[in-house]
Amino acid sequence: MYCDSKATIAISCNPVQHSRTKHIDVRYHFIKKKVKKGIVELFFVGTEYQLTDLFTKALPEERFTYLVR
């Protein structure tokens, strides 16, 4: 799984952070459990390379063309 948030990756991969993250939504804890079991692996990807932007944001034509390639 690719993510542009280093903090999210740290929380998901570091069980020591648990006491500080009890307020986080259940869906994020679901991912954390999958990481712990080795089912999902998280990788950092900078915002400029996020392919999900194609589906979630209005992009200028140049940016859209770059991500489509």
PDB file of N, CA and C in Angstrom:
ATOM      1  N   MET A   1       0.847  -1.148   0.000  1.00  0.00           N
ATOM      2  CA  MET A   1       0.000   0.000   0.000  1.00  0.00           C
ATOM      3  C   MET A   1       0.907   1.228   0.000  1.00  0.00           C
ATOM      4  N   TYR A   2       0.583   2.201  -0.816  1.00  0.00           N
ATOM      5  CA  TYR A   2       1.377   3.416  -0.912  1.00  0.00           C
ATOM      6  C   TYR A   2       0.703   4.545  -0.143  1.00  0.00           C
ATOM      7  N   CYS A   3       1.494   5.319   0.581  1.00  0.00           N
ATOM      8  CA  CYS A   3       0.963   6.373   1.438  1.00  0.00           C
ATOM      9  C   CYS A   3       1.891   7.578   1.381  1.00  0.00           C
ATOM     10  N   ASP A   4       1.326   8.795   1.419  1.00  0.00           N
ATOM     11  CA  ASP A   4       2.165   9.991   1.392  1.00  0.00           C
ATOM     12  C   ASP A   4       2.329  10.609   2.781  1.00  0.00           C
ATOM     13  N   SER A   5       2.021   9.864   3.819  1.00  0.00           N
ATOM     14  CA  SER A   5       2.137  10.360   5.188  1.00  0.00           C
ATOM     15  C   SER A   5       3.088   9.475   5.987  1.00  0.00           C
ATOM     16  N   LYS A   6       4.252  10.002   6.299  1.00  0.00           N
ATOM     17  CA  LYS A   6       5.222   9.242   7.085  1.00  0.00           C
ATOM     18  C   LYS A   6       4.693   8.979   8.492  1.00  0.00           C
ATOM     19  N   ALA A   7       3.902   9.904   9.032  1.00  0.00           N
ATOM     20  CA  ALA A   7       3.321   9.720  10.364  1.00  0.00           C
ATOM     21  C   ALA A   7       2.372   8.527  10.381  1.00  0.00           C
ATOM     22  N   THR A   8       1.575   8.387   9.351  1.00  0.00           N
ATOM     23  CA  THR A   8       0.646   7.258   9.258  1.00  0.00           C
ATOM     24  C   THR A   8       1.401   5.940   9.194  1.00  0.00           C
ATOM     25  N   ILE A   9       2.466   5.907   8.423  1.00  0.00           N
ATOM     26  CA  ILE A   9       3.277   4.694   8.318  1.00  0.00           C
ATOM     27  C   ILE A   9       3.905   4.371   9.672  1.00  0.00           C
ATOM     28  N   ALA A  10       4.411   5.371  10.371  1.00  0.00           N
ATOM     29  CA  ALA A  10       5.030   5.150  11.678  1.00  0.00           C
ATOM     30  C   ALA A  10       4.026   4.597  12.681  1.00  0.00           C
ATOM     31  N   ILE A  11       2.822   5.153  12.699  1.00  0.00           N
ATOM     32  CA  ILE A  11       1.791   4.679  13.621  1.00  0.00           C
ATOM     33  C   ILE A  11       1.393   3.243  13.292  1.00  0.00           C
ATOM     34  N   SER A  12       1.289   2.937  12.012  1.00  0.00           N
ATOM     35  CA  SER A  12       0.862   1.596  11.602  1.00  0.00           C
ATOM     36  C   SER A  12       1.914   0.535  11.867  1.00  0.00           C
ATOM     37  N   CYS A  13       3.170   0.909  11.843  1.00  0.00           N
ATOM     38  CA  CYS A  13       4.253  -0.064  11.982  1.00  0.00           C
ATOM     39  C   CYS A  13       4.848  -0.129  13.381  1.00  0.00           C
ATOM     40  N   ASN A  14       4.497   0.805  14.261  1.00  0.00           N
ATOM     41  CA  ASN A  14       5.110   0.876  15.581  1.00  0.00           C
ATOM     42  C   ASN A  14       4.063   0.632  16.667  1.00  0.00           C
ATOM     43  N   PRO A  15       4.058  -0.548  17.280  1.00  0.00           N
ATOM     44  CA  PRO A  15       3.060  -0.857  18.301  1.00  0.00           C
ATOM     45  C   PRO A  15       3.174   0.009  19.552  1.00  0.00           C
ATOM     46  N   VAL A  16       4.301   0.647  19.779  1.00  0.00           N
ATOM     47  CA  VAL A  16       4.491   1.502  20.947  1.00  0.00           C
ATOM     48  C   VAL A  16       3.578   2.721  20.886  1.00  0.00           C
ATOM     49  N   GLN A  17       3.213   3.145  19.698  1.00  0.00           N
ATOM     50  CA  GLN A  17       2.376   4.328  19.518  1.00  0.00           C
ATOM     51  C   GLN A  17       0.914   4.090  19.900  1.00  0.00           C
ATOM     52  N   HIS A  18       0.529   2.873  20.249  1.00  0.00           N
ATOM     53  CA  HIS A  18      -0.881   2.530  20.449  1.00  0.00           C
ATOM     54  C   HIS A  18      -1.598   3.437  21.449  1.00  0.00           C
ATOM     55  N   SER A  19      -0.990   3.702  22.588  1.00  0.00           N
ATOM     56  CA  SER A  19      -1.670   4.504  23.609  1.00  0.00           C
ATOM     57  C   SER A  19      -1.963   5.920  23.138  1.00  0.00           C
ATOM     58  N   ARG A  20      -1.226   6.397  22.171  1.00  0.00           N
ATOM     59  CA  ARG A  20      -1.428   7.754  21.654  1.00  0.00           C
ATOM     60  C   ARG A  20      -2.421   7.801  20.496  1.00  0.00           C
ATOM     61  N   THR A  21      -2.873   6.653  20.050  1.00  0.00           N
ATOM     62  CA  THR A  21      -3.721   6.619  18.857  1.00  0.00           C
ATOM     63  C   THR A  21      -5.093   6.009  19.109  1.00  0.00           C
ATOM     64  N   LYS A  22      -5.522   5.935  20.338  1.00  0.00           N
ATOM     65  CA  LYS A  22      -6.812   5.318  20.649  1.00  0.00           C
ATOM     66  C   LYS A  22      -7.980   6.066  20.029  1.00  0.00           C
ATOM     67  N   HIS A  23      -7.806   7.337  19.737  1.00  0.00           N
ATOM     68  CA  HIS A  23      -8.888   8.146  19.166  1.00  0.00           C
ATOM     69  C   HIS A  23      -9.052   7.937  17.661  1.00  0.00           C
ATOM     70  N   ILE A  24      -8.124   7.264  17.037  1.00  0.00           N
ATOM     71  CA  ILE A  24      -8.153   7.096  15.582  1.00  0.00           C
ATOM     72  C   ILE A  24      -9.240   6.099  15.194  1.00  0.00           C
ATOM     73  N   ASP A  25      -9.881   6.364  14.086  1.00  0.00           N
ATOM     74  CA  ASP A  25     -10.990   5.568  13.572  1.00  0.00           C
ATOM     75  C   ASP A  25     -10.628   4.088  13.425  1.00  0.00           C
ATOM     76  N   VAL A  26     -11.621   3.237  13.535  1.00  0.00           N
ATOM     77  CA  VAL A  26     -11.457   1.783  13.458  1.00  0.00           C
ATOM     78  C   VAL A  26     -10.791   1.349  12.160  1.00  0.00           C
ATOM     79  N   ARG A  27     -11.088   2.015  11.050  1.00  0.00           N
ATOM     80  CA  ARG A  27     -10.524   1.582   9.765  1.00  0.00           C
ATOM     81  C   ARG A  27      -9.002   1.672   9.749  1.00  0.00           C
ATOM     82  N   TYR A  28      -8.433   2.629  10.480  1.00  0.00           N
ATOM     83  CA  TYR A  28      -6.979   2.749  10.535  1.00  0.00           C
ATOM     84  C   TYR A  28      -6.381   1.643  11.396  1.00  0.00           C
ATOM     85  N   HIS A  29      -7.084   1.262  12.443  1.00  0.00           N
ATOM     86  CA  HIS A  29      -6.614   0.147  13.262  1.00  0.00           C
ATOM     87  C   HIS A  29      -6.691  -1.167  12.481  1.00  0.00           C
ATOM     88  N   PHE A  30      -7.642  -1.273  11.573  1.00  0.00           N
ATOM     89  CA  PHE A  30      -7.741  -2.441  10.698  1.00  0.00           C
ATOM     90  C   PHE A  30      -6.458  -2.584   9.878  1.00  0.00           C
ATOM     91  N   ILE A  31      -5.999  -1.479   9.295  1.00  0.00           N
ATOM     92  CA  ILE A  31      -4.755  -1.488   8.508  1.00  0.00           C
ATOM     93  C   ILE A  31      -3.575  -1.845   9.407  1.00  0.00           C
ATOM     94  N   LYS A  32      -3.554  -1.279  10.610  1.00  0.00           N
ATOM     95  CA  LYS A  32      -2.462  -1.545  11.544  1.00  0.00           C
ATOM     96  C   LYS A  32      -2.356  -3.044  11.848  1.00  0.00           C
ATOM     97  N   LYS A  33      -3.489  -3.703  12.034  1.00  0.00           N
ATOM     98  CA  LYS A  33      -3.490  -5.143  12.309  1.00  0.00           C
ATOM     99  C   LYS A  33      -2.967  -5.932  11.108  1.00  0.00           C
ATOM    100  N   LYS A  34      -3.331  -5.505   9.909  1.00  0.00           N
ATOM    101  CA  LYS A  34      -2.868  -6.197   8.696  1.00  0.00           C
ATOM    102  C   LYS A  34      -1.362  -6.023   8.513  1.00  0.00           C
ATOM    103  N   VAL A  35      -0.838  -4.854   8.858  1.00  0.00           N
ATOM    104  CA  VAL A  35       0.614  -4.615   8.783  1.00  0.00           C
ATOM    105  C   VAL A  35       1.327  -5.528   9.776  1.00  0.00           C
ATOM    106  N   LYS A  36       0.789  -5.614  10.977  1.00  0.00           N
ATOM    107  CA  LYS A  36       1.400  -6.447  12.024  1.00  0.00           C
ATOM    108  C   LYS A  36       1.456  -7.919  11.607  1.00  0.00           C
ATOM    109  N   LYS A  37       0.413  -8.395  10.920  1.00  0.00           N
ATOM    110  CA  LYS A  37       0.366  -9.789  10.466  1.00  0.00           C
ATOM    111  C   LYS A  37       1.195 -10.019   9.207  1.00  0.00           C
ATOM    112  N   GLY A  38       1.671  -8.947   8.580  1.00  0.00           N
ATOM    113  CA  GLY A  38       2.470  -9.077   7.367  1.00  0.00           C
ATOM    114  C   GLY A  38       1.645  -9.213   6.105  1.00  0.00           C
ATOM    115  N   ILE A  39       0.348  -8.978   6.196  1.00  0.00           N
ATOM    116  CA  ILE A  39      -0.533  -9.082   5.034  1.00  0.00           C
ATOM    117  C   ILE A  39      -0.383  -7.860   4.136  1.00  0.00           C
ATOM    118  N   VAL A  40      -0.187  -6.700   4.757  1.00  0.00           N
ATOM    119  CA  VAL A  40      -0.054  -5.432   4.032  1.00  0.00           C
ATOM    120  C   VAL A  40       1.288  -4.817   4.384  1.00  0.00           C
ATOM    121  N   GLU A  41       1.935  -4.226   3.403  1.00  0.00           N
ATOM    122  CA  GLU A  41       3.190  -3.513   3.617  1.00  0.00           C
ATOM    123  C   GLU A  41       2.985  -2.078   3.153  1.00  0.00           C
ATOM    124  N   LEU A  42       3.460  -1.121   3.935  1.00  0.00           N
ATOM    125  CA  LEU A  42       3.275   0.285   3.601  1.00  0.00           C
ATOM    126  C   LEU A  42       4.558   0.877   3.039  1.00  0.00           C
ATOM    127  N   PHE A  43       4.425   1.680   1.993  1.00  0.00           N
ATOM    128  CA  PHE A  43       5.551   2.352   1.359  1.00  0.00           C
ATOM    129  C   PHE A  43       5.248   3.834   1.255  1.00  0.00           C
ATOM    130  N   PHE A  44       6.247   4.659   1.491  1.00  0.00           N
ATOM    131  CA  PHE A  44       6.073   6.102   1.344  1.00  0.00           C
ATOM    132  C   PHE A  44       6.172   6.480  -0.127  1.00  0.00           C
ATOM    133  N   VAL A  45       5.224   7.274  -0.568  1.00  0.00           N
ATOM    134  CA  VAL A  45       5.223   7.817  -1.924  1.00  0.00           C
ATOM    135  C   VAL A  45       4.873   9.289  -1.801  1.00  0.00           C
ATOM    136  N   GLY A  46       5.720  10.145  -2.330  1.00  0.00           N
ATOM    137  CA  GLY A  46       5.482  11.583  -2.256  1.00  0.00           C
ATOM    138  C   GLY A  46       4.174  11.992  -2.910  1.00  0.00           C
ATOM    139  N   THR A  47       3.628  13.091  -2.474  1.00  0.00           N
ATOM    140  CA  THR A  47       2.350  13.582  -2.979  1.00  0.00           C
ATOM    141  C   THR A  47       2.344  13.733  -4.491  1.00  0.00           C
ATOM    142  N   GLU A  48       3.457  14.133  -5.067  1.00  0.00           N
ATOM    143  CA  GLU A  48       3.502  14.355  -6.519  1.00  0.00           C
ATOM    144  C   GLU A  48       3.327  13.074  -7.325  1.00  0.00           C
ATOM    145  N   TYR A  49       3.473  11.915  -6.685  1.00  0.00           N
ATOM    146  CA  TYR A  49       3.340  10.636  -7.389  1.00  0.00           C
ATOM    147  C   TYR A  49       2.089   9.848  -6.986  1.00  0.00           C
ATOM    148  N   GLN A  50       1.191  10.460  -6.265  1.00  0.00           N
ATOM    149  CA  GLN A  50      -0.021   9.775  -5.817  1.00  0.00           C
ATOM    150  C   GLN A  50      -1.010   9.591  -6.960  1.00  0.00           C
ATOM    151  N   LEU A  51      -1.162   8.377  -7.410  1.00  0.00           N
ATOM    152  CA  LEU A  51      -2.093   8.086  -8.501  1.00  0.00           C
ATOM    153  C   LEU A  51      -3.547   8.273  -8.084  1.00  0.00           C
ATOM    154  N   THR A  52      -3.824   8.221  -6.801  1.00  0.00           N
ATOM    155  CA  THR A  52      -5.205   8.412  -6.350  1.00  0.00           C
ATOM    156  C   THR A  52      -5.712   9.813  -6.649  1.00  0.00           C
ATOM    157  N   ASP A  53      -4.802  10.754  -6.862  1.00  0.00           N
ATOM    158  CA  ASP A  53      -5.213  12.116  -7.213  1.00  0.00           C
ATOM    159  C   ASP A  53      -6.052  12.132  -8.486  1.00  0.00           C
ATOM    160  N   LEU A  54      -5.827  11.166  -9.369  1.00  0.00           N
ATOM    161  CA  LEU A  54      -6.618  11.079 -10.600  1.00  0.00           C
ATOM    162  C   LEU A  54      -8.105  10.943 -10.292  1.00  0.00           C
ATOM    163  N   PHE A  55      -8.422  10.285  -9.194  1.00  0.00           N
ATOM    164  CA  PHE A  55      -9.815   9.983  -8.861  1.00  0.00           C
ATOM    165  C   PHE A  55     -10.401  10.899  -7.795  1.00  0.00           C
ATOM    166  N   THR A  56      -9.558  11.658  -7.108  1.00  0.00           N
ATOM    167  CA  THR A  56     -10.055  12.430  -5.969  1.00  0.00           C
ATOM    168  C   THR A  56      -9.907  13.934  -6.113  1.00  0.00           C
ATOM    169  N   LYS A  57      -9.171  14.409  -7.104  1.00  0.00           N
ATOM    170  CA  LYS A  57      -8.918  15.847  -7.229  1.00  0.00           C
ATOM    171  C   LYS A  57      -9.081  16.306  -8.673  1.00  0.00           C
ATOM    172  N   ALA A  58      -9.445  17.570  -8.810  1.00  0.00           N
ATOM    173  CA  ALA A  58      -9.440  18.181 -10.142  1.00  0.00           C
ATOM    174  C   ALA A  58      -7.991  18.550 -10.448  1.00  0.00           C
ATOM    175  N   LEU A  59      -7.470  18.041 -11.547  1.00  0.00           N
ATOM    176  CA  LEU A  59      -6.062  18.249 -11.876  1.00  0.00           C
ATOM    177  C   LEU A  59      -5.914  19.057 -13.155  1.00  0.00           C
ATOM    178  N   PRO A  60      -4.849  19.865 -13.230  1.00  0.00           N
ATOM    179  CA  PRO A  60      -4.550  20.526 -14.502  1.00  0.00           C
ATOM    180  C   PRO A  60      -4.207  19.462 -15.553  1.00  0.00           C
ATOM    181  N   GLU A  61      -4.396  19.775 -16.798  1.00  0.00           N
ATOM    182  CA  GLU A  61      -4.179  18.803 -17.876  1.00  0.00           C
ATOM    183  C   GLU A  61      -2.771  18.215 -17.843  1.00  0.00           C
ATOM    184  N   GLU A  62      -1.770  19.057 -17.607  1.00  0.00           N
ATOM    185  CA  GLU A  62      -0.376  18.589 -17.586  1.00  0.00           C
ATOM    186  C   GLU A  62      -0.164  17.543 -16.488  1.00  0.00           C
ATOM    187  N   ARG A  63      -0.686  17.792 -15.317  1.00  0.00           N
ATOM    188  CA  ARG A  63      -0.548  16.864 -14.184  1.00  0.00           C
ATOM    189  C   ARG A  63      -1.296  15.554 -14.469  1.00  0.00           C
ATOM    190  N   PHE A  64      -2.489  15.662 -15.017  1.00  0.00           N
ATOM    191  CA  PHE A  64      -3.282  14.488 -15.371  1.00  0.00           C
ATOM    192  C   PHE A  64      -2.527  13.607 -16.365  1.00  0.00           C
ATOM    193  N   THR A  65      -1.988  14.225 -17.400  1.00  0.00           N
ATOM    194  CA  THR A  65      -1.245  13.494 -18.429  1.00  0.00           C
ATOM    195  C   THR A  65      -0.034  12.792 -17.818  1.00  0.00           C
ATOM    196  N   TYR A  66       0.670  13.466 -16.907  1.00  0.00           N
ATOM    197  CA  TYR A  66       1.837  12.881 -16.244  1.00  0.00           C
ATOM    198  C   TYR A  66       1.443  11.629 -15.454  1.00  0.00           C
ATOM    199  N   LEU A  67       0.360  11.710 -14.697  1.00  0.00           N
ATOM    200  CA  LEU A  67      -0.046  10.586 -13.862  1.00  0.00           C
ATOM    201  C   LEU A  67      -0.613   9.422 -14.674  1.00  0.00           C
ATOM    202  N   VAL A  68      -1.212   9.704 -15.812  1.00  0.00           N
ATOM    203  CA  VAL A  68      -1.779   8.649 -16.648  1.00  0.00           C
ATOM    204  C   VAL A  68      -0.674   7.793 -17.260  1.00  0.00           C
ATOM    205  N   ARG A  69       0.445   8.373 -17.560  1.00  0.00           N
ATOM    206  CA  ARG A  69       1.554   7.625 -18.181  1.00  0.00           C
ATOM    207  C   ARG A  69       2.112   6.672 -17.245  1.00  0.00           C
TER     208      ARG A  69
END
